[in-house]
ModelCIF file with pLDDT and N, C-alpha, C, O atoms, coordinates in Angstrom:
data_MODEL
#
_entry.id   MODEL 
#
_entity.id                         1 
_entity.type                       polymer 
_entity.pdbx_number_of_molecules   1 
#
_entity_poly.entity_id                      1 
_entity_poly.type                           'polypeptide(L)' 
_entity_poly.nstd_linkage                   no 
_entity_poly.nstd_monomer                   no 
_entity_poly.pdbx_seq_one_letter_code       AGDSSAGSRLVDRFPGVPVRLAGQVIEKWDPAAMP 
_entity_poly.pdbx_seq_one_letter_code_can   AGDSSAGSRLVDRFPGVPVRLAGQVIEKWDPAAMP 
_entity_poly.pdbx_strand_id                 A 
#
loop_
_entity_poly_seq.entity_id 
_entity_poly_seq.num 
_entity_poly_seq.mon_id 
_entity_poly_seq.hetero 
1 1  ALA n 
1 2  GLY n 
1 3  ASP n 
1 4  SER n 
1 5  SER n 
1 6  ALA n 
1 7  GLY n 
1 8  SER n 
1 9  ARG n 
1 10 LEU n 
1 11 VAL n 
1 12 ASP n 
1 13 ARG n 
1 14 PHE n 
1 15 PRO n 
1 16 GLY n 
1 17 VAL n 
1 18 PRO n 
1 19 VAL n 
1 20 ARG n 
1 21 LEU n 
1 22 ALA n 
1 23 GLY n 
1 24 GLN n 
1 25 VAL n 
1 26 ILE n 
1 27 GLU n 
1 28 LYS n 
1 29 TRP n 
1 30 ASP n 
1 31 PRO n 
1 32 ALA n 
1 33 ALA n 
1 34 MET n 
1 35 PRO n 
#
_struct_asym.id          A 
_struct_asym.entity_id   1 
#
loop_
_ma_qa_metric.id 
_ma_qa_metric.mode 
_ma_qa_metric.name 
_ma_qa_metric.software_group_id 
_ma_qa_metric.type 
1 global pLDDT . pLDDT 
2 local  pLDDT . pLDDT 
#
_ma_qa_metric_global.metric_id      1 
_ma_qa_metric_global.metric_value   95.46 
_ma_qa_metric_global.model_id       1 
_ma_qa_metric_global.ordinal_id     1 
#
loop_
_ma_qa_metric_local.label_asym_id 
_ma_qa_metric_local.label_comp_id 
_ma_qa_metric_local.label_seq_id 
_ma_qa_metric_local.metric_id 
_ma_qa_metric_local.metric_value 
_ma_qa_metric_local.model_id 
_ma_qa_metric_local.ordinal_id 
A ALA 1  2 97.00 1 1  
A GLY 2  2 93.00 1 2  
A ASP 3  2 88.00 1 3  
A SER 4  2 86.00 1 4  
A SER 5  2 92.00 1 5  
A ALA 6  2 95.00 1 6  
A GLY 7  2 95.00 1 7  
A SER 8  2 96.00 1 8  
A ARG 9  2 97.00 1 9  
A LEU 10 2 98.00 1 10 
A VAL 11 2 97.00 1 11 
A ASP 12 2 96.00 1 12 
A ARG 13 2 95.00 1 13 
A PHE 14 2 96.00 1 14 
A PRO 15 2 97.00 1 15 
A GLY 16 2 96.00 1 16 
A VAL 17 2 97.00 1 17 
A PRO 18 2 97.00 1 18 
A VAL 19 2 97.00 1 19 
A ARG 20 2 96.00 1 20 
A LEU 21 2 97.00 1 21 
A ALA 22 2 97.00 1 22 
A GLY 23 2 97.00 1 23 
A GLN 24 2 97.00 1 24 
A VAL 25 2 98.00 1 25 
A ILE 26 2 98.00 1 26 
A GLU 27 2 97.00 1 27 
A LYS 28 2 96.00 1 28 
A TRP 29 2 95.00 1 29 
A ASP 30 2 95.00 1 30 
A PRO 31 2 95.00 1 31 
A ALA 32 2 93.00 1 32 
A ALA 33 2 93.00 1 33 
A MET 34 2 96.00 1 34 
A PRO 35 2 96.00 1 35 
#
loop_
_atom_site.group_PDB 
_atom_site.id 
_atom_site.type_symbol 
_atom_site.label_atom_id 
_atom_site.label_alt_id 
_atom_site.label_comp_id 
_atom_site.label_asym_id 
_atom_site.label_entity_id 
_atom_site.label_seq_id 
_atom_site.pdbx_PDB_ins_code 
_atom_site.Cartn_x 
_atom_site.Cartn_y 
_atom_site.Cartn_z 
_atom_site.occupancy 
_atom_site.B_iso_or_equiv 
_atom_site.pdbx_formal_charge 
_atom_site.auth_seq_id 
_atom_site.auth_comp_id 
_atom_site.auth_asym_id 
_atom_site.auth_atom_id 
_atom_site.pdbx_PDB_model_num 
ATOM 1   N N  . ALA A 1 1  ? 127.181 93.140  84.794 1.00 97.00 ? 1  ALA A N  1 
ATOM 2   C CA . ALA A 1 1  ? 127.150 91.561  85.498 1.00 97.00 ? 1  ALA A CA 1 
ATOM 3   C C  . ALA A 1 1  ? 126.305 91.990  87.082 1.00 97.00 ? 1  ALA A C  1 
ATOM 4   O O  . ALA A 1 1  ? 126.345 93.106  87.600 1.00 97.00 ? 1  ALA A O  1 
ATOM 5   N N  . GLY A 1 2  ? 125.534 90.717  87.658 1.00 93.00 ? 2  GLY A N  1 
ATOM 6   C CA . GLY A 1 2  ? 124.590 91.282  88.953 1.00 93.00 ? 2  GLY A CA 1 
ATOM 7   C C  . GLY A 1 2  ? 124.594 89.352  89.203 1.00 93.00 ? 2  GLY A C  1 
ATOM 8   O O  . GLY A 1 2  ? 124.981 88.305  88.683 1.00 93.00 ? 2  GLY A O  1 
ATOM 9   N N  . ASP A 1 3  ? 123.935 89.848  90.262 1.00 88.00 ? 3  ASP A N  1 
ATOM 10  C CA . ASP A 1 3  ? 123.536 87.795  90.765 1.00 88.00 ? 3  ASP A CA 1 
ATOM 11  C C  . ASP A 1 3  ? 122.638 87.812  90.810 1.00 88.00 ? 3  ASP A C  1 
ATOM 12  O O  . ASP A 1 3  ? 122.395 86.853  90.077 1.00 88.00 ? 3  ASP A O  1 
ATOM 13  N N  . SER A 1 4  ? 121.487 88.256  91.193 1.00 86.00 ? 4  SER A N  1 
ATOM 14  C CA . SER A 1 4  ? 119.842 87.451  91.233 1.00 86.00 ? 4  SER A CA 1 
ATOM 15  C C  . SER A 1 4  ? 119.446 87.905  89.897 1.00 86.00 ? 4  SER A C  1 
ATOM 16  O O  . SER A 1 4  ? 118.553 87.285  89.321 1.00 86.00 ? 4  SER A O  1 
ATOM 17  N N  . SER A 1 5  ? 120.088 89.065  89.250 1.00 92.00 ? 5  SER A N  1 
ATOM 18  C CA . SER A 1 5  ? 119.575 89.618  88.443 1.00 92.00 ? 5  SER A CA 1 
ATOM 19  C C  . SER A 1 5  ? 120.259 89.112  87.059 1.00 92.00 ? 5  SER A C  1 
ATOM 20  O O  . SER A 1 5  ? 119.845 89.617  86.015 1.00 92.00 ? 5  SER A O  1 
ATOM 21  N N  . ALA A 1 6  ? 121.111 88.302  87.015 1.00 95.00 ? 6  ALA A N  1 
ATOM 22  C CA . ALA A 1 6  ? 121.634 87.577  86.046 1.00 95.00 ? 6  ALA A CA 1 
ATOM 23  C C  . ALA A 1 6  ? 120.589 87.102  85.001 1.00 95.00 ? 6  ALA A C  1 
ATOM 24  O O  . ALA A 1 6  ? 119.510 86.701  85.438 1.00 95.00 ? 6  ALA A O  1 
ATOM 25  N N  . GLY A 1 7  ? 120.801 87.109  83.695 1.00 95.00 ? 7  GLY A N  1 
ATOM 26  C CA . GLY A 1 7  ? 120.169 86.262  82.728 1.00 95.00 ? 7  GLY A CA 1 
ATOM 27  C C  . GLY A 1 7  ? 118.961 87.405  82.280 1.00 95.00 ? 7  GLY A C  1 
ATOM 28  O O  . GLY A 1 7  ? 118.292 87.192  81.269 1.00 95.00 ? 7  GLY A O  1 
ATOM 29  N N  . SER A 1 8  ? 118.762 88.499  83.023 1.00 96.00 ? 8  SER A N  1 
ATOM 30  C CA . SER A 1 8  ? 117.364 89.398  82.834 1.00 96.00 ? 8  SER A CA 1 
ATOM 31  C C  . SER A 1 8  ? 118.305 90.338  81.941 1.00 96.00 ? 8  SER A C  1 
ATOM 32  O O  . SER A 1 8  ? 119.522 90.473  82.073 1.00 96.00 ? 8  SER A O  1 
ATOM 33  N N  . ARG A 1 9  ? 117.414 90.999  80.937 1.00 97.00 ? 9  ARG A N  1 
ATOM 34  C CA . ARG A 1 9  ? 118.121 92.110  80.387 1.00 97.00 ? 9  ARG A CA 1 
ATOM 35  C C  . ARG A 1 9  ? 117.893 93.434  80.948 1.00 97.00 ? 9  ARG A C  1 
ATOM 36  O O  . ARG A 1 9  ? 117.066 93.566  81.850 1.00 97.00 ? 9  ARG A O  1 
ATOM 37  N N  . LEU A 1 10 ? 118.538 94.405  80.506 1.00 98.00 ? 10 LEU A N  1 
ATOM 38  C CA . LEU A 1 10 ? 118.607 95.732  81.126 1.00 98.00 ? 10 LEU A CA 1 
ATOM 39  C C  . LEU A 1 10 ? 117.402 96.376  81.144 1.00 98.00 ? 10 LEU A C  1 
ATOM 40  O O  . LEU A 1 10 ? 117.091 97.105  82.086 1.00 98.00 ? 10 LEU A O  1 
ATOM 41  N N  . VAL A 1 11 ? 116.595 96.158  80.078 1.00 97.00 ? 11 VAL A N  1 
ATOM 42  C CA . VAL A 1 11 ? 115.492 96.839  80.224 1.00 97.00 ? 11 VAL A CA 1 
ATOM 43  C C  . VAL A 1 11 ? 114.255 96.182  80.786 1.00 97.00 ? 11 VAL A C  1 
ATOM 44  O O  . VAL A 1 11 ? 113.085 96.559  80.706 1.00 97.00 ? 11 VAL A O  1 
ATOM 45  N N  . ASP A 1 12 ? 114.890 94.866  81.509 1.00 96.00 ? 12 ASP A N  1 
ATOM 46  C CA . ASP A 1 12 ? 113.661 94.181  82.526 1.00 96.00 ? 12 ASP A CA 1 
ATOM 47  C C  . ASP A 1 12 ? 114.140 94.881  83.771 1.00 96.00 ? 12 ASP A C  1 
ATOM 48  O O  . ASP A 1 12 ? 113.296 94.902  84.667 1.00 96.00 ? 12 ASP A O  1 
ATOM 49  N N  . ARG A 1 13 ? 115.280 95.454  84.040 1.00 95.00 ? 13 ARG A N  1 
ATOM 50  C CA . ARG A 1 13 ? 115.393 95.982  85.253 1.00 95.00 ? 13 ARG A CA 1 
ATOM 51  C C  . ARG A 1 13 ? 115.403 97.848  85.297 1.00 95.00 ? 13 ARG A C  1 
ATOM 52  O O  . ARG A 1 13 ? 115.092 98.480  86.307 1.00 95.00 ? 13 ARG A O  1 
ATOM 53  N N  . PHE A 1 14 ? 115.755 98.379  84.203 1.00 96.00 ? 14 PHE A N  1 
ATOM 54  C CA . PHE A 1 14 ? 115.464 99.620  84.149 1.00 96.00 ? 14 PHE A CA 1 
ATOM 55  C C  . PHE A 1 14 ? 114.480 99.852  82.680 1.00 96.00 ? 14 PHE A C  1 
ATOM 56  O O  . PHE A 1 14 ? 114.945 99.515  81.591 1.00 96.00 ? 14 PHE A O  1 
ATOM 57  N N  . PRO A 1 15 ? 113.494 100.283 82.763 1.00 97.00 ? 15 PRO A N  1 
ATOM 58  C CA . PRO A 1 15 ? 112.704 100.179 81.492 1.00 97.00 ? 15 PRO A CA 1 
ATOM 59  C C  . PRO A 1 15 ? 112.691 101.570 80.839 1.00 97.00 ? 15 PRO A C  1 
ATOM 60  O O  . PRO A 1 15 ? 111.991 101.873 79.873 1.00 97.00 ? 15 PRO A O  1 
ATOM 61  N N  . GLY A 1 16 ? 113.482 102.315 81.433 1.00 96.00 ? 16 GLY A N  1 
ATOM 62  C CA . GLY A 1 16 ? 114.082 103.881 80.997 1.00 96.00 ? 16 GLY A CA 1 
ATOM 63  C C  . GLY A 1 16 ? 115.261 103.894 80.068 1.00 96.00 ? 16 GLY A C  1 
ATOM 64  O O  . GLY A 1 16 ? 115.519 104.909 79.421 1.00 96.00 ? 16 GLY A O  1 
ATOM 65  N N  . VAL A 1 17 ? 116.084 102.658 79.963 1.00 97.00 ? 17 VAL A N  1 
ATOM 66  C CA . VAL A 1 17 ? 117.495 102.505 79.810 1.00 97.00 ? 17 VAL A CA 1 
ATOM 67  C C  . VAL A 1 17 ? 117.503 103.383 77.848 1.00 97.00 ? 17 VAL A C  1 
ATOM 68  O O  . VAL A 1 17 ? 116.480 103.284 77.171 1.00 97.00 ? 17 VAL A O  1 
ATOM 69  N N  . PRO A 1 18 ? 118.421 103.929 77.432 1.00 97.00 ? 18 PRO A N  1 
ATOM 70  C CA . PRO A 1 18 ? 118.647 103.763 76.082 1.00 97.00 ? 18 PRO A CA 1 
ATOM 71  C C  . PRO A 1 18 ? 118.426 102.739 75.304 1.00 97.00 ? 18 PRO A C  1 
ATOM 72  O O  . PRO A 1 18 ? 119.075 101.716 75.518 1.00 97.00 ? 18 PRO A O  1 
ATOM 73  N N  . VAL A 1 19 ? 117.401 102.774 74.154 1.00 97.00 ? 19 VAL A N  1 
ATOM 74  C CA . VAL A 1 19 ? 117.536 101.886 73.301 1.00 97.00 ? 19 VAL A CA 1 
ATOM 75  C C  . VAL A 1 19 ? 118.585 100.971 73.027 1.00 97.00 ? 19 VAL A C  1 
ATOM 76  O O  . VAL A 1 19 ? 118.328 99.768  72.980 1.00 97.00 ? 19 VAL A O  1 
ATOM 77  N N  . ARG A 1 20 ? 119.758 101.403 72.836 1.00 96.00 ? 20 ARG A N  1 
ATOM 78  C CA . ARG A 1 20 ? 120.907 100.998 72.311 1.00 96.00 ? 20 ARG A CA 1 
ATOM 79  C C  . ARG A 1 20 ? 121.253 99.923  73.496 1.00 96.00 ? 20 ARG A C  1 
ATOM 80  O O  . ARG A 1 20 ? 121.918 98.931  73.196 1.00 96.00 ? 20 ARG A O  1 
ATOM 81  N N  . LEU A 1 21 ? 120.786 100.123 74.903 1.00 97.00 ? 21 LEU A N  1 
ATOM 82  C CA . LEU A 1 21 ? 121.516 98.991  75.953 1.00 97.00 ? 21 LEU A CA 1 
ATOM 83  C C  . LEU A 1 21 ? 120.328 98.385  76.244 1.00 97.00 ? 21 LEU A C  1 
ATOM 84  O O  . LEU A 1 21 ? 120.400 97.608  77.196 1.00 97.00 ? 21 LEU A O  1 
ATOM 85  N N  . ALA A 1 22 ? 119.364 98.482  75.780 1.00 97.00 ? 22 ALA A N  1 
ATOM 86  C CA . ALA A 1 22 ? 117.929 97.834  75.913 1.00 97.00 ? 22 ALA A CA 1 
ATOM 87  C C  . ALA A 1 22 ? 118.008 96.318  76.050 1.00 97.00 ? 22 ALA A C  1 
ATOM 88  O O  . ALA A 1 22 ? 117.462 95.810  77.029 1.00 97.00 ? 22 ALA A O  1 
ATOM 89  N N  . GLY A 1 23 ? 118.680 95.493  75.099 1.00 97.00 ? 23 GLY A N  1 
ATOM 90  C CA . GLY A 1 23 ? 118.698 94.302  74.935 1.00 97.00 ? 23 GLY A CA 1 
ATOM 91  C C  . GLY A 1 23 ? 120.018 93.758  75.821 1.00 97.00 ? 23 GLY A C  1 
ATOM 92  O O  . GLY A 1 23 ? 119.951 92.551  76.052 1.00 97.00 ? 23 GLY A O  1 
ATOM 93  N N  . GLN A 1 24 ? 120.969 94.298  76.249 1.00 97.00 ? 24 GLN A N  1 
ATOM 94  C CA . GLN A 1 24 ? 121.921 93.923  76.752 1.00 97.00 ? 24 GLN A CA 1 
ATOM 95  C C  . GLN A 1 24 ? 121.621 92.768  78.102 1.00 97.00 ? 24 GLN A C  1 
ATOM 96  O O  . GLN A 1 24 ? 121.069 93.191  79.118 1.00 97.00 ? 24 GLN A O  1 
ATOM 97  N N  . VAL A 1 25 ? 121.970 91.545  78.008 1.00 98.00 ? 25 VAL A N  1 
ATOM 98  C CA . VAL A 1 25 ? 121.741 90.725  79.369 1.00 98.00 ? 25 VAL A CA 1 
ATOM 99  C C  . VAL A 1 25 ? 122.805 90.898  80.057 1.00 98.00 ? 25 VAL A C  1 
ATOM 100 O O  . VAL A 1 25 ? 123.991 91.005  79.744 1.00 98.00 ? 25 VAL A O  1 
ATOM 101 N N  . ILE A 1 26 ? 121.992 90.920  81.491 1.00 98.00 ? 26 ILE A N  1 
ATOM 102 C CA . ILE A 1 26 ? 122.975 90.767  82.996 1.00 98.00 ? 26 ILE A CA 1 
ATOM 103 C C  . ILE A 1 26 ? 123.819 89.292  82.707 1.00 98.00 ? 26 ILE A C  1 
ATOM 104 O O  . ILE A 1 26 ? 123.256 88.378  82.105 1.00 98.00 ? 26 ILE A O  1 
ATOM 105 N N  . GLU A 1 27 ? 124.654 89.218  83.002 1.00 97.00 ? 27 GLU A N  1 
ATOM 106 C CA . GLU A 1 27 ? 125.701 88.371  83.591 1.00 97.00 ? 27 GLU A CA 1 
ATOM 107 C C  . GLU A 1 27 ? 125.696 87.536  84.512 1.00 97.00 ? 27 GLU A C  1 
ATOM 108 O O  . GLU A 1 27 ? 124.669 87.843  85.118 1.00 97.00 ? 27 GLU A O  1 
ATOM 109 N N  . LYS A 1 28 ? 126.146 86.674  85.045 1.00 96.00 ? 28 LYS A N  1 
ATOM 110 C CA . LYS A 1 28 ? 126.436 86.183  86.366 1.00 96.00 ? 28 LYS A CA 1 
ATOM 111 C C  . LYS A 1 28 ? 127.987 86.884  86.381 1.00 96.00 ? 28 LYS A C  1 
ATOM 112 O O  . LYS A 1 28 ? 128.871 86.847  85.525 1.00 96.00 ? 28 LYS A O  1 
ATOM 113 N N  . TRP A 1 29 ? 127.951 87.415  87.462 1.00 95.00 ? 29 TRP A N  1 
ATOM 114 C CA . TRP A 1 29 ? 129.269 88.048  88.194 1.00 95.00 ? 29 TRP A CA 1 
ATOM 115 C C  . TRP A 1 29 ? 130.460 86.854  88.161 1.00 95.00 ? 29 TRP A C  1 
ATOM 116 O O  . TRP A 1 29 ? 130.245 85.923  88.937 1.00 95.00 ? 29 TRP A O  1 
ATOM 117 N N  . ASP A 1 30 ? 131.555 86.779  87.443 1.00 95.00 ? 30 ASP A N  1 
ATOM 118 C CA . ASP A 1 30 ? 132.757 85.864  87.251 1.00 95.00 ? 30 ASP A CA 1 
ATOM 119 C C  . ASP A 1 30 ? 133.986 86.811  86.561 1.00 95.00 ? 30 ASP A C  1 
ATOM 120 O O  . ASP A 1 30 ? 134.024 87.236  85.407 1.00 95.00 ? 30 ASP A O  1 
ATOM 121 N N  . PRO A 1 31 ? 134.885 86.984  87.547 1.00 95.00 ? 31 PRO A N  1 
ATOM 122 C CA . PRO A 1 31 ? 136.097 87.770  86.962 1.00 95.00 ? 31 PRO A CA 1 
ATOM 123 C C  . PRO A 1 31 ? 136.640 86.876  85.947 1.00 95.00 ? 31 PRO A C  1 
ATOM 124 O O  . PRO A 1 31 ? 137.165 87.452  84.995 1.00 95.00 ? 31 PRO A O  1 
ATOM 125 N N  . ALA A 1 32 ? 136.636 85.809  85.931 1.00 93.00 ? 32 ALA A N  1 
ATOM 126 C CA . ALA A 1 32 ? 136.979 84.841  84.903 1.00 93.00 ? 32 ALA A CA 1 
ATOM 127 C C  . ALA A 1 32 ? 136.444 84.771  83.571 1.00 93.00 ? 32 ALA A C  1 
ATOM 128 O O  . ALA A 1 32 ? 136.922 84.192  82.596 1.00 93.00 ? 32 ALA A O  1 
ATOM 129 N N  . ALA A 1 33 ? 135.445 85.402  83.659 1.00 93.00 ? 33 ALA A N  1 
ATOM 130 C CA . ALA A 1 33 ? 134.531 85.572  82.446 1.00 93.00 ? 33 ALA A CA 1 
ATOM 131 C C  . ALA A 1 33 ? 134.278 86.549  81.747 1.00 93.00 ? 33 ALA A C  1 
ATOM 132 O O  . ALA A 1 33 ? 133.662 86.444  80.687 1.00 93.00 ? 33 ALA A O  1 
ATOM 133 N N  . MET A 1 34 ? 134.705 87.654  82.213 1.00 96.00 ? 34 MET A N  1 
ATOM 134 C CA . MET A 1 34 ? 134.548 89.175  81.873 1.00 96.00 ? 34 MET A CA 1 
ATOM 135 C C  . MET A 1 34 ? 135.167 89.485  80.320 1.00 96.00 ? 34 MET A C  1 
ATOM 136 O O  . MET A 1 34 ? 136.271 89.019  80.038 1.00 96.00 ? 34 MET A O  1 
ATOM 137 N N  . PRO A 1 35 ? 134.527 90.168  79.477 1.00 96.00 ? 35 PRO A N  1 
ATOM 138 C CA . PRO A 1 35 ? 135.635 90.624  78.139 1.00 96.00 ? 35 PRO A CA 1 
ATOM 139 C C  . PRO A 1 35 ? 136.381 91.460  78.460 1.00 96.00 ? 35 PRO A C  1 
ATOM 140 O O  . PRO A 1 35 ? 137.212 91.888  77.659 1.00 96.00 ? 35 PRO A O  1 
#
């Protein structure tokens, strides 16, 4: 989760992230919406 980075994928912010995490989307920080 983040603020200004919400909506982007982890790989967009961290190009070297492991492949299994690359497509994970950064969500808008909201404690009520956490899994």
